[in-house]
Amino acid sequence: ELFCPCEITAGPLRVEAVGRPLGNRNRKPHASTVCVPPACCDVRMADTADTVERYLHAIASHDWDMVGECLADGIVRTGPYHDRYDGRANYLAFISELMPKLKGYAMDVARVTYASDTLAFAELSETVEIEGKPMVTPEVLVFELAGGLIARIEIYIQTPDEDPAAPA
């Protein structure tokens, strides 16, 4: 079962993905965050209202069919190291091969913000196990939406600052 977009932007959320927590939201959303009413409400944003949330849930739970349903045929995904995948089939092949190999993977979604029906941002962190220790990477994903589907994904990561006291 999918989680409600309102829960992402308005309250605590814990979703299990492959036996790991997907999100833990315990802070008040930024004023620019759009809270989308749940499906049972009369008022809904355009078809894009939960596309990003469905995509993130599908990535974390390795539901490749659902990932594919969220993507436009001509999807362009640009990663944090300028790695680029064009087209649904190419991107699905890449992501479905990569994700199961990430030991200790967990996704913590802090916020999903819809700037419009065609632009959304996801603030999250991903954790993987490196040499037996968790490595957490804070990220922002920028989504361009078209016709209710994800047409473009750009991934930006935060890197730790250099310690000015550390020897060069």
N, C-alpha and C. Protein backbone atom coordinates (compact mmCIF):
# COMPACT_ATOMS: atom_id res chain seq x y z
N GLU A 1 0.85 -1.18 0.00
CA GLU A 1 0.00 0.00 0.00
C GLU A 1 0.90 1.24 0.00
N LEU A 2 0.53 2.20 -0.82
CA LEU A 2 1.30 3.44 -0.90
C LEU A 2 0.98 4.34 0.27
N PHE A 3 1.92 5.21 0.59
CA PHE A 3 1.68 6.18 1.64
C PHE A 3 1.07 7.42 1.05
N CYS A 4 0.35 8.14 1.87
CA CYS A 4 -0.35 9.35 1.43
C CYS A 4 0.63 10.51 1.28
N PRO A 5 0.55 11.28 0.20
CA PRO A 5 1.42 12.44 0.03
C PRO A 5 1.32 13.43 1.19
N CYS A 6 0.15 13.53 1.82
CA CYS A 6 0.01 14.44 2.96
C CYS A 6 0.93 14.02 4.10
N GLU A 7 1.09 12.73 4.27
CA GLU A 7 1.94 12.25 5.35
C GLU A 7 3.39 12.64 5.12
N ILE A 8 3.82 12.70 3.88
CA ILE A 8 5.19 13.09 3.56
C ILE A 8 5.42 14.54 3.96
N THR A 9 4.44 15.40 3.70
CA THR A 9 4.67 16.83 3.91
C THR A 9 4.11 17.35 5.22
N ALA A 10 3.28 16.58 5.90
CA ALA A 10 2.59 17.16 7.04
C ALA A 10 2.75 16.42 8.35
N GLY A 11 3.38 15.27 8.37
CA GLY A 11 3.45 14.58 9.63
C GLY A 11 4.41 13.43 9.61
N PRO A 12 4.54 12.74 10.75
CA PRO A 12 5.47 11.63 10.83
C PRO A 12 5.10 10.52 9.85
N LEU A 13 6.13 9.90 9.30
CA LEU A 13 5.91 8.81 8.35
C LEU A 13 7.00 7.78 8.52
N ARG A 14 6.62 6.55 8.57
CA ARG A 14 7.59 5.46 8.58
C ARG A 14 7.05 4.41 7.65
N VAL A 15 7.76 4.14 6.59
CA VAL A 15 7.34 3.15 5.62
C VAL A 15 8.44 2.11 5.52
N GLU A 16 8.08 0.85 5.57
CA GLU A 16 9.06 -0.20 5.44
C GLU A 16 9.33 -0.46 3.97
N ALA A 17 10.59 -0.52 3.60
CA ALA A 17 11.00 -0.83 2.24
C ALA A 17 12.09 -1.88 2.33
N VAL A 18 11.80 -3.06 1.83
CA VAL A 18 12.74 -4.16 1.88
C VAL A 18 13.25 -4.34 3.32
N GLY A 19 12.32 -4.25 4.27
CA GLY A 19 12.64 -4.44 5.67
C GLY A 19 13.36 -3.27 6.32
N ARG A 20 13.46 -2.14 5.64
CA ARG A 20 14.15 -0.96 6.16
C ARG A 20 13.19 0.22 6.19
N PRO A 21 13.39 1.17 7.10
CA PRO A 21 12.55 2.37 7.10
C PRO A 21 12.77 3.19 5.83
N LEU A 22 11.69 3.66 5.22
CA LEU A 22 11.79 4.52 4.04
C LEU A 22 11.80 5.98 4.44
N GLY A 23 11.02 6.34 5.42
CA GLY A 23 10.98 7.75 5.81
C GLY A 23 10.65 7.91 7.27
N ASN A 24 11.14 8.97 7.85
CA ASN A 24 10.81 9.29 9.23
C ASN A 24 10.72 10.81 9.29
N ARG A 25 9.53 11.34 9.21
CA ARG A 25 9.31 12.78 9.08
C ARG A 25 8.78 13.30 10.38
N ASN A 26 9.57 14.05 11.13
CA ASN A 26 9.10 14.52 12.43
C ASN A 26 9.30 16.01 12.63
N ARG A 27 9.46 16.76 11.53
CA ARG A 27 9.57 18.21 11.67
C ARG A 27 8.50 18.89 10.83
N LYS A 28 8.22 20.13 11.16
CA LYS A 28 7.20 20.89 10.46
C LYS A 28 7.68 21.20 9.04
N PRO A 29 6.81 21.05 8.02
CA PRO A 29 7.23 21.32 6.65
C PRO A 29 7.48 22.80 6.41
N HIS A 30 8.36 23.07 5.46
CA HIS A 30 8.63 24.45 5.04
C HIS A 30 7.35 25.05 4.47
N ALA A 31 7.19 26.36 4.57
CA ALA A 31 5.97 27.03 4.12
C ALA A 31 5.70 26.81 2.63
N SER A 32 6.75 26.56 1.82
CA SER A 32 6.54 26.38 0.38
C SER A 32 6.07 24.97 0.03
N THR A 33 6.07 24.05 1.01
CA THR A 33 5.67 22.69 0.74
C THR A 33 4.16 22.61 0.51
N VAL A 34 3.80 21.97 -0.56
CA VAL A 34 2.38 21.82 -0.90
C VAL A 34 1.90 20.51 -0.32
N CYS A 35 0.89 20.58 0.50
CA CYS A 35 0.30 19.36 1.05
C CYS A 35 -0.82 18.91 0.13
N VAL A 36 -0.68 17.73 -0.40
CA VAL A 36 -1.66 17.20 -1.34
C VAL A 36 -2.68 16.38 -0.56
N PRO A 37 -3.97 16.65 -0.74
CA PRO A 37 -4.98 15.88 -0.01
C PRO A 37 -4.93 14.41 -0.38
N PRO A 38 -5.27 13.52 0.54
CA PRO A 38 -5.29 12.10 0.22
C PRO A 38 -6.37 11.79 -0.82
N ALA A 39 -6.28 10.59 -1.40
CA ALA A 39 -7.17 10.20 -2.49
C ALA A 39 -8.65 10.30 -2.12
N CYS A 40 -8.96 10.14 -0.84
CA CYS A 40 -10.36 10.16 -0.42
C CYS A 40 -10.94 11.57 -0.40
N CYS A 41 -10.10 12.59 -0.48
CA CYS A 41 -10.58 13.97 -0.44
C CYS A 41 -11.13 14.38 -1.80
N ASP A 42 -12.03 15.38 -1.81
CA ASP A 42 -12.63 15.85 -3.04
C ASP A 42 -11.67 16.68 -3.89
N VAL A 43 -10.76 17.38 -3.23
CA VAL A 43 -9.86 18.28 -3.95
C VAL A 43 -8.53 17.58 -4.19
N ARG A 44 -8.06 17.56 -5.45
CA ARG A 44 -6.77 16.96 -5.78
C ARG A 44 -6.03 17.87 -6.74
N MET A 45 -4.72 17.85 -6.66
CA MET A 45 -3.89 18.51 -7.66
C MET A 45 -3.99 17.69 -8.93
N ALA A 46 -3.35 18.11 -9.99
CA ALA A 46 -3.36 17.36 -11.25
C ALA A 46 -2.85 15.94 -11.03
N ASP A 47 -2.82 15.12 -12.09
CA ASP A 47 -2.42 13.71 -11.99
C ASP A 47 -1.05 13.54 -11.35
N THR A 48 -0.26 14.58 -11.29
CA THR A 48 1.10 14.48 -10.77
C THR A 48 1.14 14.46 -9.25
N ALA A 49 0.01 14.56 -8.58
CA ALA A 49 -0.03 14.76 -7.12
C ALA A 49 0.81 13.78 -6.33
N ASP A 50 0.88 12.53 -6.73
CA ASP A 50 1.66 11.59 -5.92
C ASP A 50 2.69 10.83 -6.75
N THR A 51 3.00 11.30 -7.94
CA THR A 51 3.94 10.61 -8.81
C THR A 51 5.31 10.45 -8.15
N VAL A 52 5.82 11.52 -7.56
CA VAL A 52 7.15 11.47 -6.94
C VAL A 52 7.14 10.52 -5.74
N GLU A 53 6.12 10.61 -4.91
CA GLU A 53 6.03 9.72 -3.75
C GLU A 53 5.96 8.25 -4.20
N ARG A 54 5.15 7.96 -5.21
CA ARG A 54 5.06 6.59 -5.72
C ARG A 54 6.41 6.11 -6.24
N TYR A 55 7.10 6.99 -6.97
CA TYR A 55 8.42 6.66 -7.51
C TYR A 55 9.41 6.34 -6.38
N LEU A 56 9.49 7.21 -5.37
CA LEU A 56 10.42 6.99 -4.27
C LEU A 56 10.10 5.70 -3.52
N HIS A 57 8.84 5.46 -3.28
CA HIS A 57 8.43 4.22 -2.62
C HIS A 57 8.83 3.01 -3.46
N ALA A 58 8.62 3.09 -4.76
CA ALA A 58 8.95 1.98 -5.65
C ALA A 58 10.46 1.73 -5.71
N ILE A 59 11.24 2.80 -5.73
CA ILE A 59 12.71 2.64 -5.73
C ILE A 59 13.15 1.92 -4.46
N ALA A 60 12.69 2.39 -3.31
CA ALA A 60 13.11 1.81 -2.03
C ALA A 60 12.64 0.38 -1.85
N SER A 61 11.50 0.04 -2.42
CA SER A 61 10.95 -1.31 -2.26
C SER A 61 11.29 -2.22 -3.44
N HIS A 62 12.07 -1.71 -4.39
CA HIS A 62 12.50 -2.47 -5.56
C HIS A 62 11.32 -2.96 -6.40
N ASP A 63 10.31 -2.15 -6.51
CA ASP A 63 9.13 -2.47 -7.32
C ASP A 63 9.35 -1.85 -8.71
N TRP A 64 10.07 -2.56 -9.57
CA TRP A 64 10.50 -2.02 -10.86
C TRP A 64 9.33 -1.76 -11.80
N ASP A 65 8.25 -2.54 -11.68
CA ASP A 65 7.06 -2.26 -12.50
C ASP A 65 6.49 -0.90 -12.14
N MET A 66 6.37 -0.62 -10.83
CA MET A 66 5.83 0.67 -10.40
C MET A 66 6.77 1.82 -10.80
N VAL A 67 8.09 1.60 -10.67
CA VAL A 67 9.03 2.62 -11.11
C VAL A 67 8.75 2.95 -12.57
N GLY A 68 8.64 1.93 -13.40
CA GLY A 68 8.36 2.12 -14.83
C GLY A 68 7.07 2.87 -15.10
N GLU A 69 6.05 2.61 -14.28
CA GLU A 69 4.76 3.30 -14.44
C GLU A 69 4.84 4.78 -14.13
N CYS A 70 5.83 5.18 -13.34
CA CYS A 70 6.00 6.59 -12.97
C CYS A 70 6.82 7.39 -13.99
N LEU A 71 7.47 6.70 -14.91
CA LEU A 71 8.42 7.33 -15.82
C LEU A 71 7.84 7.56 -17.21
N ALA A 72 8.15 8.72 -17.80
CA ALA A 72 7.83 8.98 -19.20
C ALA A 72 8.77 8.14 -20.07
N ASP A 73 8.35 7.84 -21.28
CA ASP A 73 9.19 7.05 -22.20
C ASP A 73 10.56 7.69 -22.39
N GLY A 74 10.58 9.01 -22.50
CA GLY A 74 11.82 9.73 -22.78
C GLY A 74 12.53 10.24 -21.54
N ILE A 75 12.35 9.59 -20.40
CA ILE A 75 12.97 10.03 -19.15
C ILE A 75 14.47 10.29 -19.35
N VAL A 76 14.94 11.34 -18.73
CA VAL A 76 16.38 11.63 -18.68
C VAL A 76 16.74 11.73 -17.21
N ARG A 77 17.66 10.87 -16.78
CA ARG A 77 18.10 10.86 -15.37
C ARG A 77 19.57 11.25 -15.36
N THR A 78 19.89 12.32 -14.65
CA THR A 78 21.27 12.75 -14.50
C THR A 78 21.64 12.62 -13.03
N GLY A 79 22.67 11.84 -12.78
CA GLY A 79 23.10 11.57 -11.42
C GLY A 79 24.06 12.62 -10.90
N PRO A 80 24.47 12.45 -9.65
CA PRO A 80 25.32 13.45 -9.00
C PRO A 80 26.73 13.54 -9.59
N TYR A 81 27.12 12.54 -10.34
CA TYR A 81 28.45 12.54 -10.94
C TYR A 81 28.36 12.69 -12.46
N HIS A 82 27.27 13.30 -12.90
CA HIS A 82 27.00 13.57 -14.32
C HIS A 82 26.77 12.30 -15.13
N ASP A 83 26.47 11.20 -14.45
CA ASP A 83 26.10 9.99 -15.16
C ASP A 83 24.68 10.19 -15.67
N ARG A 84 24.44 9.82 -16.92
CA ARG A 84 23.16 10.12 -17.55
C ARG A 84 22.58 8.86 -18.19
N TYR A 85 21.28 8.68 -17.98
CA TYR A 85 20.56 7.56 -18.58
C TYR A 85 19.35 8.14 -19.31
N ASP A 86 19.25 7.85 -20.59
CA ASP A 86 18.15 8.34 -21.43
C ASP A 86 17.21 7.19 -21.76
N GLY A 87 15.92 7.44 -21.61
CA GLY A 87 14.91 6.46 -21.97
C GLY A 87 14.54 5.55 -20.81
N ARG A 88 13.27 5.18 -20.78
CA ARG A 88 12.74 4.35 -19.69
C ARG A 88 13.48 3.02 -19.58
N ALA A 89 13.68 2.33 -20.69
CA ALA A 89 14.31 1.00 -20.64
C ALA A 89 15.75 1.09 -20.12
N ASN A 90 16.51 2.06 -20.59
CA ASN A 90 17.90 2.21 -20.14
C ASN A 90 17.97 2.54 -18.65
N TYR A 91 17.13 3.46 -18.22
CA TYR A 91 17.15 3.85 -16.81
C TYR A 91 16.70 2.68 -15.92
N LEU A 92 15.64 1.99 -16.32
CA LEU A 92 15.17 0.85 -15.52
C LEU A 92 16.22 -0.25 -15.45
N ALA A 93 16.93 -0.50 -16.55
CA ALA A 93 17.99 -1.51 -16.53
C ALA A 93 19.08 -1.12 -15.53
N PHE A 94 19.47 0.15 -15.56
CA PHE A 94 20.50 0.65 -14.64
C PHE A 94 20.06 0.53 -13.19
N ILE A 95 18.91 1.12 -12.87
CA ILE A 95 18.49 1.21 -11.47
C ILE A 95 18.12 -0.15 -10.88
N SER A 96 17.52 -1.01 -11.69
CA SER A 96 17.12 -2.33 -11.18
C SER A 96 18.32 -3.25 -10.98
N GLU A 97 19.42 -2.97 -11.66
CA GLU A 97 20.65 -3.73 -11.43
C GLU A 97 21.42 -3.17 -10.23
N LEU A 98 21.45 -1.85 -10.10
CA LEU A 98 22.21 -1.20 -9.03
C LEU A 98 21.60 -1.40 -7.64
N MET A 99 20.33 -1.09 -7.48
CA MET A 99 19.73 -1.02 -6.14
C MET A 99 19.87 -2.31 -5.32
N PRO A 100 19.62 -3.49 -5.88
CA PRO A 100 19.76 -4.70 -5.06
C PRO A 100 21.19 -4.95 -4.57
N LYS A 101 22.18 -4.32 -5.20
CA LYS A 101 23.57 -4.51 -4.80
C LYS A 101 23.99 -3.59 -3.65
N LEU A 102 23.17 -2.62 -3.30
CA LEU A 102 23.53 -1.65 -2.27
C LEU A 102 23.25 -2.24 -0.88
N LYS A 103 24.30 -2.67 -0.23
CA LYS A 103 24.17 -3.32 1.08
C LYS A 103 23.71 -2.31 2.12
N GLY A 104 22.72 -2.70 2.92
CA GLY A 104 22.23 -1.85 4.00
C GLY A 104 21.47 -0.63 3.53
N TYR A 105 20.90 -0.68 2.33
CA TYR A 105 20.24 0.49 1.76
C TYR A 105 18.99 0.89 2.54
N ALA A 106 18.86 2.19 2.78
CA ALA A 106 17.65 2.77 3.36
C ALA A 106 17.47 4.17 2.79
N MET A 107 16.23 4.58 2.62
CA MET A 107 15.90 5.92 2.14
C MET A 107 15.07 6.61 3.21
N ASP A 108 15.46 7.82 3.56
CA ASP A 108 14.74 8.61 4.55
C ASP A 108 14.26 9.87 3.84
N VAL A 109 12.97 9.93 3.53
CA VAL A 109 12.39 11.06 2.82
C VAL A 109 11.99 12.12 3.84
N ALA A 110 12.60 13.29 3.74
CA ALA A 110 12.29 14.38 4.66
C ALA A 110 11.15 15.23 4.14
N ARG A 111 11.12 15.47 2.82
CA ARG A 111 10.11 16.38 2.29
C ARG A 111 9.99 16.19 0.78
N VAL A 112 8.77 16.24 0.30
CA VAL A 112 8.49 16.32 -1.14
C VAL A 112 7.71 17.61 -1.35
N THR A 113 8.21 18.45 -2.25
CA THR A 113 7.59 19.74 -2.52
C THR A 113 7.23 19.83 -3.99
N TYR A 114 5.98 20.15 -4.26
CA TYR A 114 5.53 20.39 -5.63
C TYR A 114 5.51 21.89 -5.85
N ALA A 115 6.42 22.38 -6.69
CA ALA A 115 6.45 23.80 -7.02
C ALA A 115 5.35 24.14 -8.00
N SER A 116 4.97 23.16 -8.82
CA SER A 116 3.90 23.31 -9.80
C SER A 116 3.50 21.92 -10.26
N ASP A 117 2.63 21.84 -11.26
CA ASP A 117 2.26 20.54 -11.80
C ASP A 117 3.38 19.92 -12.62
N THR A 118 4.43 20.69 -12.91
CA THR A 118 5.52 20.19 -13.74
C THR A 118 6.88 20.16 -13.04
N LEU A 119 6.93 20.58 -11.78
CA LEU A 119 8.21 20.64 -11.08
C LEU A 119 8.04 20.23 -9.62
N ALA A 120 8.88 19.29 -9.18
CA ALA A 120 8.84 18.83 -7.80
C ALA A 120 10.26 18.60 -7.30
N PHE A 121 10.42 18.67 -5.98
CA PHE A 121 11.69 18.45 -5.32
C PHE A 121 11.50 17.44 -4.20
N ALA A 122 12.45 16.56 -4.04
CA ALA A 122 12.44 15.63 -2.92
C ALA A 122 13.73 15.81 -2.13
N GLU A 123 13.58 16.07 -0.84
CA GLU A 123 14.72 16.19 0.06
C GLU A 123 14.78 14.88 0.83
N LEU A 124 15.90 14.18 0.74
CA LEU A 124 16.00 12.87 1.34
C LEU A 124 17.44 12.55 1.67
N SER A 125 17.62 11.44 2.34
CA SER A 125 18.97 10.91 2.52
C SER A 125 18.91 9.42 2.22
N GLU A 126 20.00 8.94 1.68
CA GLU A 126 20.13 7.52 1.39
C GLU A 126 21.29 6.99 2.22
N THR A 127 21.10 5.80 2.75
CA THR A 127 22.13 5.17 3.56
C THR A 127 22.53 3.86 2.91
N VAL A 128 23.83 3.62 2.80
CA VAL A 128 24.37 2.35 2.35
C VAL A 128 25.47 1.95 3.33
N GLU A 129 25.76 0.69 3.35
CA GLU A 129 26.79 0.19 4.24
C GLU A 129 28.11 0.10 3.47
N ILE A 130 29.14 0.77 3.99
CA ILE A 130 30.48 0.74 3.39
C ILE A 130 31.44 0.22 4.45
N GLU A 131 32.11 -0.87 4.16
CA GLU A 131 33.05 -1.47 5.10
C GLU A 131 32.43 -1.67 6.48
N GLY A 132 31.18 -2.12 6.48
CA GLY A 132 30.49 -2.43 7.72
C GLY A 132 29.91 -1.25 8.47
N LYS A 133 30.06 -0.03 7.92
CA LYS A 133 29.55 1.16 8.61
C LYS A 133 28.55 1.88 7.70
N PRO A 134 27.48 2.44 8.29
CA PRO A 134 26.51 3.17 7.46
C PRO A 134 27.10 4.49 6.96
N MET A 135 26.87 4.76 5.68
CA MET A 135 27.25 6.04 5.10
C MET A 135 25.97 6.72 4.64
N VAL A 136 25.67 7.88 5.23
CA VAL A 136 24.44 8.62 4.93
C VAL A 136 24.78 9.75 3.97
N THR A 137 24.01 9.84 2.89
CA THR A 137 24.22 10.88 1.90
C THR A 137 22.96 11.73 1.77
N PRO A 138 22.99 12.99 2.23
CA PRO A 138 21.86 13.89 2.04
C PRO A 138 21.77 14.29 0.56
N GLU A 139 20.54 14.33 0.04
CA GLU A 139 20.34 14.60 -1.38
C GLU A 139 19.11 15.45 -1.61
N VAL A 140 19.09 16.08 -2.77
CA VAL A 140 17.87 16.69 -3.30
C VAL A 140 17.71 16.16 -4.72
N LEU A 141 16.52 15.69 -5.01
CA LEU A 141 16.19 15.25 -6.36
C LEU A 141 15.23 16.25 -6.95
N VAL A 142 15.50 16.67 -8.17
CA VAL A 142 14.65 17.61 -8.89
C VAL A 142 13.92 16.81 -9.96
N PHE A 143 12.60 16.91 -9.96
CA PHE A 143 11.77 16.16 -10.90
C PHE A 143 11.06 17.11 -11.85
N GLU A 144 11.17 16.85 -13.13
CA GLU A 144 10.36 17.54 -14.13
C GLU A 144 9.26 16.56 -14.52
N LEU A 145 8.02 17.02 -14.44
CA LEU A 145 6.87 16.16 -14.69
C LEU A 145 6.16 16.58 -15.97
N ALA A 146 5.66 15.61 -16.70
CA ALA A 146 4.92 15.88 -17.93
C ALA A 146 3.82 14.83 -18.06
N GLY A 147 2.60 15.29 -18.18
CA GLY A 147 1.48 14.35 -18.34
C GLY A 147 1.34 13.38 -17.18
N GLY A 148 1.69 13.82 -15.97
CA GLY A 148 1.56 12.96 -14.80
C GLY A 148 2.71 11.99 -14.61
N LEU A 149 3.73 12.05 -15.48
CA LEU A 149 4.87 11.14 -15.40
C LEU A 149 6.16 11.92 -15.19
N ILE A 150 7.17 11.24 -14.71
CA ILE A 150 8.48 11.86 -14.50
C ILE A 150 9.23 11.87 -15.82
N ALA A 151 9.54 13.07 -16.30
CA ALA A 151 10.23 13.23 -17.58
C ALA A 151 11.74 13.45 -17.38
N ARG A 152 12.11 13.96 -16.21
CA ARG A 152 13.52 14.26 -15.93
C ARG A 152 13.77 14.16 -14.43
N ILE A 153 14.91 13.58 -14.08
CA ILE A 153 15.36 13.52 -12.69
C ILE A 153 16.79 14.01 -12.66
N GLU A 154 17.05 14.96 -11.78
CA GLU A 154 18.43 15.41 -11.55
C GLU A 154 18.72 15.25 -10.07
N ILE A 155 19.86 14.64 -9.76
CA ILE A 155 20.20 14.30 -8.38
C ILE A 155 21.39 15.14 -7.93
N TYR A 156 21.22 15.79 -6.78
CA TYR A 156 22.26 16.62 -6.19
C TYR A 156 22.55 16.11 -4.79
N ILE A 157 23.82 15.90 -4.48
CA ILE A 157 24.19 15.40 -3.16
C ILE A 157 24.97 16.45 -2.39
N GLN A 158 24.88 16.35 -1.06
CA GLN A 158 25.69 17.20 -0.19
C GLN A 158 26.91 16.40 0.21
N THR A 159 28.06 17.04 0.13
CA THR A 159 29.29 16.37 0.54
C THR A 159 29.77 17.02 1.83
N PRO A 160 30.43 16.25 2.67
CA PRO A 160 30.89 16.84 3.94
C PRO A 160 31.93 17.92 3.69
N ASP A 161 31.90 18.94 4.54
CA ASP A 161 32.90 20.01 4.45
C ASP A 161 34.25 19.45 4.89
N GLU A 162 35.28 20.01 4.31
CA GLU A 162 36.62 19.67 4.78
C GLU A 162 36.79 20.20 6.19
N ASP A 163 37.46 19.48 7.02
CA ASP A 163 37.74 19.94 8.38
C ASP A 163 38.92 20.91 8.32
N PRO A 164 38.68 22.21 8.61
CA PRO A 164 39.76 23.19 8.50
C PRO A 164 40.91 22.90 9.46
N ALA A 165 40.66 22.15 10.53
CA ALA A 165 41.71 21.85 11.50
C ALA A 165 42.54 20.63 11.09
N ALA A 166 42.06 19.90 10.08
CA ALA A 166 42.78 18.69 9.64
C ALA A 166 44.04 19.08 8.88
N PRO A 167 45.12 18.31 9.09
CA PRO A 167 46.35 18.60 8.36
C PRO A 167 46.16 18.38 6.86
N ALA A 168 46.80 19.18 6.05
CA ALA A 168 46.67 19.10 4.59
C ALA A 168 47.50 17.98 4.02
